[in-house]
Amino acid sequence: MRHIMVMNAKGGCGKSTLATNIASYFANQGAGVVLADYDRQRSSLDWLERRPDKQPKIFGVAGFEDGLRRAPRSADFVIIDAPARSHGKELSDLVRHAETIVVPVLPSTIDIQATETFLEELKAVGKVMRKEVKIGTIANRVRDNTLIFDDLDEYLLKTRTPYIAALRDAQNYVRAYTRGLGIFELPAYLAWPDWEEWEPLTAWLRTKRSQP
């Protein structure tokens, strides 16, 4: 069973959007998928409640209540939507559940500074220091040809953490979320630019480079 966590202590950076789309991607690949929501705002579980019955099944778990105790052992993937403001012991406890951590970062000075501090703390967690977990960063909700995206791009390239992909700020994510769908479940004529942007991330998640 593979555990992929979407995490950043900074709130509002798109963790639930990434988690739900990663979950739906693997479900559409025929995998057994659990979506574990550790955030009491329940954004991922709310998405799952909207999900049409005809779409590939994803099993939801309220991680903030029960941890992963209710997750079926037969699942191939557990996608974890981590809460914001995780620090100290809470951060270490969450990281124990993951082999792969995806860190989304928004193009803003505040988010860049907050993520720099968060990555320093994350890399000091014992499991990360022992190289038992792999971390990748994602530039999220970006707009090309803006100065702040240039700043974010430059920052992520300079970190010693793999910079996996840049995802645009698109209404398709709103369309998908409100229908309980993933970006890969929207029609091709709408979503093909987003599919192309996701390819580096899905390719990374499929390979050993994202696993300890």
C-alpha atoms as a PDB file:
ATOM      1  CA  MET A   1       0.000   0.000   0.000  1.00  0.00           C
ATOM      2  CA  ARG A   2       1.459   3.346  -1.112  1.00  0.00           C
ATOM      3  CA  HIS A   3       0.893   6.492   0.983  1.00  0.00           C
ATOM      4  CA  ILE A   4       1.052   9.875  -0.759  1.00  0.00           C
ATOM      5  CA  MET A   5       0.551  12.977   1.384  1.00  0.00           C
ATOM      6  CA  VAL A   6      -0.254  16.492   0.178  1.00  0.00           C
ATOM      7  CA  MET A   7       1.108  18.868   2.787  1.00  0.00           C
ATOM      8  CA  ASN A   8       2.068  22.464   3.510  1.00  0.00           C
ATOM      9  CA  ALA A   9       1.674  24.308   6.807  1.00  0.00           C
ATOM     10  CA  LYS A  10       0.490  27.360   4.844  1.00  0.00           C
ATOM     11  CA  GLY A  11      -3.289  27.310   4.438  1.00  0.00           C
ATOM     12  CA  GLY A  12      -5.092  27.953   1.167  1.00  0.00           C
ATOM     13  CA  CYS A  13      -2.372  26.612  -1.109  1.00  0.00           C
ATOM     14  CA  GLY A  14      -4.552  24.022  -2.860  1.00  0.00           C
ATOM     15  CA  LYS A  15      -3.823  20.870  -0.871  1.00  0.00           C
ATOM     16  CA  SER A  16      -7.354  19.485  -1.214  1.00  0.00           C
ATOM     17  CA  THR A  17      -7.445  20.221  -4.934  1.00  0.00           C
ATOM     18  CA  LEU A  18      -4.216  18.295  -5.438  1.00  0.00           C
ATOM     19  CA  ALA A  19      -5.261  15.441  -3.156  1.00  0.00           C
ATOM     20  CA  THR A  20      -8.630  14.903  -4.849  1.00  0.00           C
ATOM     21  CA  ASN A  21      -7.102  15.034  -8.318  1.00  0.00           C
ATOM     22  CA  ILE A  22      -4.305  12.620  -7.425  1.00  0.00           C
ATOM     23  CA  ALA A  23      -6.900  10.262  -5.943  1.00  0.00           C
ATOM     24  CA  SER A  24      -9.117  10.416  -9.035  1.00  0.00           C
ATOM     25  CA  TYR A  25      -6.089   9.947 -11.324  1.00  0.00           C
ATOM     26  CA  PHE A  26      -5.100   6.654  -9.700  1.00  0.00           C
ATOM     27  CA  ALA A  27      -8.731   5.516  -9.440  1.00  0.00           C
ATOM     28  CA  ASN A  28      -9.056   5.976 -13.192  1.00  0.00           C
ATOM     29  CA  GLN A  29      -5.924   3.861 -13.634  1.00  0.00           C
ATOM     30  CA  GLY A  30      -7.829   0.975 -12.047  1.00  0.00           C
ATOM     31  CA  ALA A  31      -6.177   1.214  -8.617  1.00  0.00           C
ATOM     32  CA  GLY A  32      -7.908   0.838  -5.277  1.00  0.00           C
ATOM     33  CA  VAL A  33      -7.760   4.306  -3.724  1.00  0.00           C
ATOM     34  CA  VAL A  34      -8.404   5.684  -0.242  1.00  0.00           C
ATOM     35  CA  LEU A  35      -8.733   9.453   0.249  1.00  0.00           C
ATOM     36  CA  ALA A  36      -7.918  10.314   3.865  1.00  0.00           C
ATOM     37  CA  ASP A  37      -8.909  13.821   4.930  1.00  0.00           C
ATOM     38  CA  TYR A  38      -7.004  15.017   8.007  1.00  0.00           C
ATOM     39  CA  ASP A  39      -8.325  18.573   7.730  1.00  0.00           C
ATOM     40  CA  ARG A  40     -11.416  19.329   9.834  1.00  0.00           C
ATOM     41  CA  GLN A  41     -12.700  21.606   7.054  1.00  0.00           C
ATOM     42  CA  ARG A  42     -13.488  18.326   5.200  1.00  0.00           C
ATOM     43  CA  SER A  43     -12.860  19.756   1.741  1.00  0.00           C
ATOM     44  CA  SER A  44     -11.756  16.395   0.333  1.00  0.00           C
ATOM     45  CA  LEU A  45     -14.618  14.507   1.963  1.00  0.00           C
ATOM     46  CA  ASP A  46     -17.100  17.117   0.717  1.00  0.00           C
ATOM     47  CA  TRP A  47     -15.727  16.554  -2.808  1.00  0.00           C
ATOM     48  CA  LEU A  48     -16.122  12.816  -2.369  1.00  0.00           C
ATOM     49  CA  GLU A  49     -19.753  13.218  -1.310  1.00  0.00           C
ATOM     50  CA  ARG A  50     -20.416  15.000  -4.612  1.00  0.00           C
ATOM     51  CA  ARG A  51     -18.740  12.273  -6.653  1.00  0.00           C
ATOM     52  CA  PRO A  52     -21.085  10.564  -9.158  1.00  0.00           C
ATOM     53  CA  ASP A  53     -21.670   6.839  -8.672  1.00  0.00           C
ATOM     54  CA  LYS A  54     -20.613   6.134 -12.269  1.00  0.00           C
ATOM     55  CA  GLN A  55     -17.054   7.325 -11.602  1.00  0.00           C
ATOM     56  CA  PRO A  56     -14.357   4.956 -10.302  1.00  0.00           C
ATOM     57  CA  LYS A  57     -14.850   4.326  -6.595  1.00  0.00           C
ATOM     58  CA  ILE A  58     -12.704   6.161  -4.034  1.00  0.00           C
ATOM     59  CA  PHE A  59     -13.009   5.196  -0.363  1.00  0.00           C
ATOM     60  CA  GLY A  60     -13.152   8.170   2.010  1.00  0.00           C
ATOM     61  CA  VAL A  61     -11.687   8.272   5.520  1.00  0.00           C
ATOM     62  CA  ALA A  62     -12.030  11.046   8.111  1.00  0.00           C
ATOM     63  CA  GLY A  63      -8.403  11.014   9.187  1.00  0.00           C
ATOM     64  CA  PHE A  64      -8.926  13.837  11.686  1.00  0.00           C
ATOM     65  CA  GLU A  65     -11.207  11.490  13.662  1.00  0.00           C
ATOM     66  CA  ASP A  66      -9.964   7.941  13.132  1.00  0.00           C
ATOM     67  CA  GLY A  67      -6.562   8.220  11.490  1.00  0.00           C
ATOM     68  CA  LEU A  68      -6.190   5.428   8.945  1.00  0.00           C
ATOM     69  CA  ARG A  69      -7.849   2.715  11.029  1.00  0.00           C
ATOM     70  CA  ARG A  70     -10.872   2.555   8.722  1.00  0.00           C
ATOM     71  CA  ALA A  71      -8.830   2.437   5.515  1.00  0.00           C
ATOM     72  CA  PRO A  72      -9.261  -0.896   3.698  1.00  0.00           C
ATOM     73  CA  ARG A  73      -6.035  -2.908   3.754  1.00  0.00           C
ATOM     74  CA  SER A  74      -6.630  -3.965   0.160  1.00  0.00           C
ATOM     75  CA  ALA A  75      -6.120  -0.426  -1.203  1.00  0.00           C
ATOM     76  CA  ASP A  76      -3.249   0.264  -3.583  1.00  0.00           C
ATOM     77  CA  PHE A  77      -2.969   3.962  -2.716  1.00  0.00           C
ATOM     78  CA  VAL A  78      -3.811   6.116   0.273  1.00  0.00           C
ATOM     79  CA  ILE A  79      -3.908   9.811  -0.634  1.00  0.00           C
ATOM     80  CA  ILE A  80      -3.698  11.992   2.471  1.00  0.00           C
ATOM     81  CA  ASP A  81      -4.957  15.578   2.578  1.00  0.00           C
ATOM     82  CA  ALA A  82      -2.959  17.023   5.495  1.00  0.00           C
ATOM     83  CA  PRO A  83      -4.212  19.974   7.565  1.00  0.00           C
ATOM     84  CA  ALA A  84      -2.659  23.434   7.502  1.00  0.00           C
ATOM     85  CA  ARG A  85      -0.599  24.737  10.411  1.00  0.00           C
ATOM     86  CA  SER A  86       0.981  21.338  11.131  1.00  0.00           C
ATOM     87  CA  HIS A  87       4.125  21.748  13.213  1.00  0.00           C
ATOM     88  CA  GLY A  88       6.168  19.947  15.834  1.00  0.00           C
ATOM     89  CA  LYS A  89       4.811  16.597  17.045  1.00  0.00           C
ATOM     90  CA  GLU A  90       1.726  16.828  14.809  1.00  0.00           C
ATOM     91  CA  LEU A  91       3.961  17.233  11.770  1.00  0.00           C
ATOM     92  CA  SER A  92       6.163  14.295  12.785  1.00  0.00           C
ATOM     93  CA  ASP A  93       3.106  12.111  13.440  1.00  0.00           C
ATOM     94  CA  LEU A  94       1.647  12.914  10.022  1.00  0.00           C
ATOM     95  CA  VAL A  95       4.912  12.257   8.187  1.00  0.00           C
ATOM     96  CA  ARG A  96       5.028   8.770   9.709  1.00  0.00           C
ATOM     97  CA  HIS A  97       2.088   7.875   7.439  1.00  0.00           C
ATOM     98  CA  ALA A  98       3.804   8.894   4.179  1.00  0.00           C
ATOM     99  CA  GLU A  99       6.334   7.567   1.713  1.00  0.00           C
ATOM    100  CA  THR A 100       5.799  10.500  -0.660  1.00  0.00           C
ATOM    101  CA  ILE A 101       4.980  14.118   0.198  1.00  0.00           C
ATOM    102  CA  VAL A 102       3.758  16.650  -2.367  1.00  0.00           C
ATOM    103  CA  VAL A 103       4.108  20.295  -1.299  1.00  0.00           C
ATOM    104  CA  PRO A 104       1.999  22.823  -3.263  1.00  0.00           C
ATOM    105  CA  VAL A 105       3.180  26.442  -3.227  1.00  0.00           C
ATOM    106  CA  LEU A 106       1.240  29.487  -4.427  1.00  0.00           C
ATOM    107  CA  PRO A 107       2.877  32.365  -6.325  1.00  0.00           C
ATOM    108  CA  SER A 108       2.983  34.945  -3.558  1.00  0.00           C
ATOM    109  CA  THR A 109       5.744  36.360  -1.398  1.00  0.00           C
ATOM    110  CA  ILE A 110       3.940  35.264   1.759  1.00  0.00           C
ATOM    111  CA  ASP A 111       3.558  31.689   0.490  1.00  0.00           C
ATOM    112  CA  ILE A 112       7.171  31.479  -0.669  1.00  0.00           C
ATOM    113  CA  GLN A 113       8.460  32.656   2.710  1.00  0.00           C
ATOM    114  CA  ALA A 114       6.101  30.374   4.633  1.00  0.00           C
ATOM    115  CA  THR A 115       7.070  27.372   2.495  1.00  0.00           C
ATOM    116  CA  GLU A 116      10.773  28.048   2.990  1.00  0.00           C
ATOM    117  CA  THR A 117      10.252  27.827   6.755  1.00  0.00           C
ATOM    118  CA  PHE A 118       7.996  24.782   6.417  1.00  0.00           C
ATOM    119  CA  LEU A 119      10.463  22.857   4.241  1.00  0.00           C
ATOM    120  CA  GLU A 120      13.229  23.477   6.765  1.00  0.00           C
ATOM    121  CA  GLU A 121      11.060  22.016   9.525  1.00  0.00           C
ATOM    122  CA  LEU A 122       9.883  19.140   7.333  1.00  0.00           C
ATOM    123  CA  LYS A 123      13.446  18.171   6.401  1.00  0.00           C
ATOM    124  CA  ALA A 124      14.339  18.045  10.103  1.00  0.00           C
ATOM    125  CA  VAL A 125      11.720  15.336  10.783  1.00  0.00           C
ATOM    126  CA  GLY A 126      13.418  12.043  11.589  1.00  0.00           C
ATOM    127  CA  LYS A 127      11.780   9.999   8.837  1.00  0.00           C
ATOM    128  CA  VAL A 128      12.787  12.581   6.228  1.00  0.00           C
ATOM    129  CA  MET A 129      16.343  12.816   7.576  1.00  0.00           C
ATOM    130  CA  ARG A 130      16.625   9.018   7.318  1.00  0.00           C
ATOM    131  CA  LYS A 131      15.540   9.303   3.654  1.00  0.00           C
ATOM    132  CA  GLU A 132      12.481   7.154   4.279  1.00  0.00           C
ATOM    133  CA  VAL A 133      10.216   9.628   2.475  1.00  0.00           C
ATOM    134  CA  LYS A 134      10.537  11.556  -0.796  1.00  0.00           C
ATOM    135  CA  ILE A 135       9.386  15.181  -1.147  1.00  0.00           C
ATOM    136  CA  GLY A 136       8.414  17.078  -4.297  1.00  0.00           C
ATOM    137  CA  THR A 137       7.195  20.657  -4.731  1.00  0.00           C
ATOM    138  CA  ILE A 138       4.483  21.961  -7.050  1.00  0.00           C
ATOM    139  CA  ALA A 139       3.996  25.548  -8.200  1.00  0.00           C
ATOM    140  CA  ASN A 140       0.221  25.846  -7.913  1.00  0.00           C
ATOM    141  CA  ARG A 141      -2.361  28.227  -9.413  1.00  0.00           C
ATOM    142  CA  VAL A 142       0.255  30.029 -11.473  1.00  0.00           C
ATOM    143  CA  ARG A 143      -0.150  32.559 -14.255  1.00  0.00           C
ATOM    144  CA  ASP A 144       2.565  32.592 -16.891  1.00  0.00           C
ATOM    145  CA  ASN A 145       4.499  35.759 -17.632  1.00  0.00           C
ATOM    146  CA  THR A 146       3.982  37.294 -14.202  1.00  0.00           C
ATOM    147  CA  LEU A 147       6.778  38.554 -12.002  1.00  0.00           C
ATOM    148  CA  ILE A 148       5.578  36.656  -8.947  1.00  0.00           C
ATOM    149  CA  PHE A 149       5.547  33.349 -10.848  1.00  0.00           C
ATOM    150  CA  ASP A 150       9.099  34.110 -11.963  1.00  0.00           C
ATOM    151  CA  ASP A 151      10.009  34.594  -8.288  1.00  0.00           C
ATOM    152  CA  LEU A 152       8.325  31.326  -7.298  1.00  0.00           C
ATOM    153  CA  ASP A 153       9.898  29.442 -10.186  1.00  0.00           C
ATOM    154  CA  GLU A 154      13.346  30.760  -9.243  1.00  0.00           C
ATOM    155  CA  TYR A 155      12.848  29.857  -5.581  1.00  0.00           C
ATOM    156  CA  LEU A 156      11.671  26.295  -6.276  1.00  0.00           C
ATOM    157  CA  LEU A 157      14.531  25.692  -8.705  1.00  0.00           C
ATOM    158  CA  LYS A 158      17.043  26.737  -6.040  1.00  0.00           C
ATOM    159  CA  THR A 159      15.725  24.485  -3.276  1.00  0.00           C
ATOM    160  CA  ARG A 160      17.244  21.063  -2.777  1.00  0.00           C
ATOM    161  CA  THR A 161      13.768  19.588  -3.109  1.00  0.00           C
ATOM    162  CA  PRO A 162      12.670  18.236  -6.499  1.00  0.00           C
ATOM    163  CA  TYR A 163      10.491  20.783  -8.336  1.00  0.00           C
ATOM    164  CA  ILE A 164       8.038  18.552 -10.154  1.00  0.00           C
ATOM    165  CA  ALA A 165       5.461  20.665 -12.015  1.00  0.00           C
ATOM    166  CA  ALA A 166       3.721  24.025 -12.407  1.00  0.00           C
ATOM    167  CA  LEU A 167      -0.081  23.995 -12.576  1.00  0.00           C
ATOM    168  CA  ARG A 168      -2.018  26.923 -13.963  1.00  0.00           C
ATOM    169  CA  ASP A 169      -4.795  28.875 -12.273  1.00  0.00           C
ATOM    170  CA  ALA A 170      -7.775  27.465 -14.185  1.00  0.00           C
ATOM    171  CA  GLN A 171     -11.560  27.343 -13.782  1.00  0.00           C
ATOM    172  CA  ASN A 172     -11.418  23.658 -14.669  1.00  0.00           C
ATOM    173  CA  TYR A 173     -10.430  22.880 -11.097  1.00  0.00           C
ATOM    174  CA  VAL A 174     -13.558  24.635  -9.836  1.00  0.00           C
ATOM    175  CA  ARG A 175     -15.700  22.832 -12.429  1.00  0.00           C
ATOM    176  CA  ALA A 176     -14.265  19.485 -11.412  1.00  0.00           C
ATOM    177  CA  TYR A 177     -14.468  20.003  -7.644  1.00  0.00           C
ATOM    178  CA  THR A 178     -18.108  21.133  -7.623  1.00  0.00           C
ATOM    179  CA  ARG A 179     -19.064  17.950  -9.530  1.00  0.00           C
ATOM    180  CA  GLY A 180     -16.954  15.538  -7.477  1.00  0.00           C
ATOM    181  CA  LEU A 181     -14.688  14.948 -10.448  1.00  0.00           C
ATOM    182  CA  GLY A 182     -10.967  15.082 -11.089  1.00  0.00           C
ATOM    183  CA  ILE A 183      -9.330  17.136 -13.804  1.00  0.00           C
ATOM    184  CA  PHE A 184      -8.774  13.938 -15.824  1.00  0.00           C
ATOM    185  CA  GLU A 185     -12.521  13.246 -15.788  1.00  0.00           C
ATOM    186  CA  LEU A 186     -13.442  16.467 -17.591  1.00  0.00           C
ATOM    187  CA  PRO A 187     -13.888  16.449 -21.380  1.00  0.00           C
ATOM    188  CA  ALA A 188     -10.667  16.605 -23.381  1.00  0.00           C
ATOM    189  CA  TYR A 189     -11.722  19.748 -25.247  1.00  0.00           C
ATOM    190  CA  LEU A 190     -11.843  21.570 -21.893  1.00  0.00           C
ATOM    191  CA  ALA A 191      -9.038  20.028 -19.900  1.00  0.00           C
ATOM    192  CA  TRP A 192      -6.270  18.957 -22.299  1.00  0.00           C
ATOM    193  CA  PRO A 193      -3.960  21.876 -21.294  1.00  0.00           C
ATOM    194  CA  ASP A 194      -4.274  20.814 -17.661  1.00  0.00           C
ATOM    195  CA  TRP A 195      -3.624  17.163 -18.523  1.00  0.00           C
ATOM    196  CA  GLU A 196      -0.360  18.213 -20.148  1.00  0.00           C
ATOM    197  CA  GLU A 197       0.657  20.224 -17.078  1.00  0.00           C
ATOM    198  CA  TRP A 198      -0.089  17.261 -14.813  1.00  0.00           C
ATOM    199  CA  GLU A 199       2.027  14.821 -16.810  1.00  0.00           C
ATOM    200  CA  PRO A 200       5.319  15.595 -14.962  1.00  0.00           C
ATOM    201  CA  LEU A 201       3.574  15.051 -11.611  1.00  0.00           C
ATOM    202  CA  THR A 202       1.801  11.823 -12.541  1.00  0.00           C
ATOM    203  CA  ALA A 203       4.981  10.531 -14.189  1.00  0.00           C
ATOM    204  CA  TRP A 204       6.976  11.298 -11.024  1.00  0.00           C
ATOM    205  CA  LEU A 205       4.390   9.599  -8.805  1.00  0.00           C
ATOM    206  CA  ARG A 206       4.470   6.499 -11.020  1.00  0.00           C
ATOM    207  CA  THR A 207       8.252   6.085 -10.799  1.00  0.00           C
ATOM    208  CA  LYS A 208      10.722   5.010  -8.118  1.00  0.00           C
ATOM    209  CA  ARG A 209      12.027   8.593  -7.989  1.00  0.00           C
ATOM    210  CA  SER A 210       9.075   9.490  -5.752  1.00  0.00           C
ATOM    211  CA  GLN A 211       9.557   6.531  -3.427  1.00  0.00           C
ATOM    212  CA  PRO A 212      12.180   5.865  -0.726  1.00  0.00           C
END
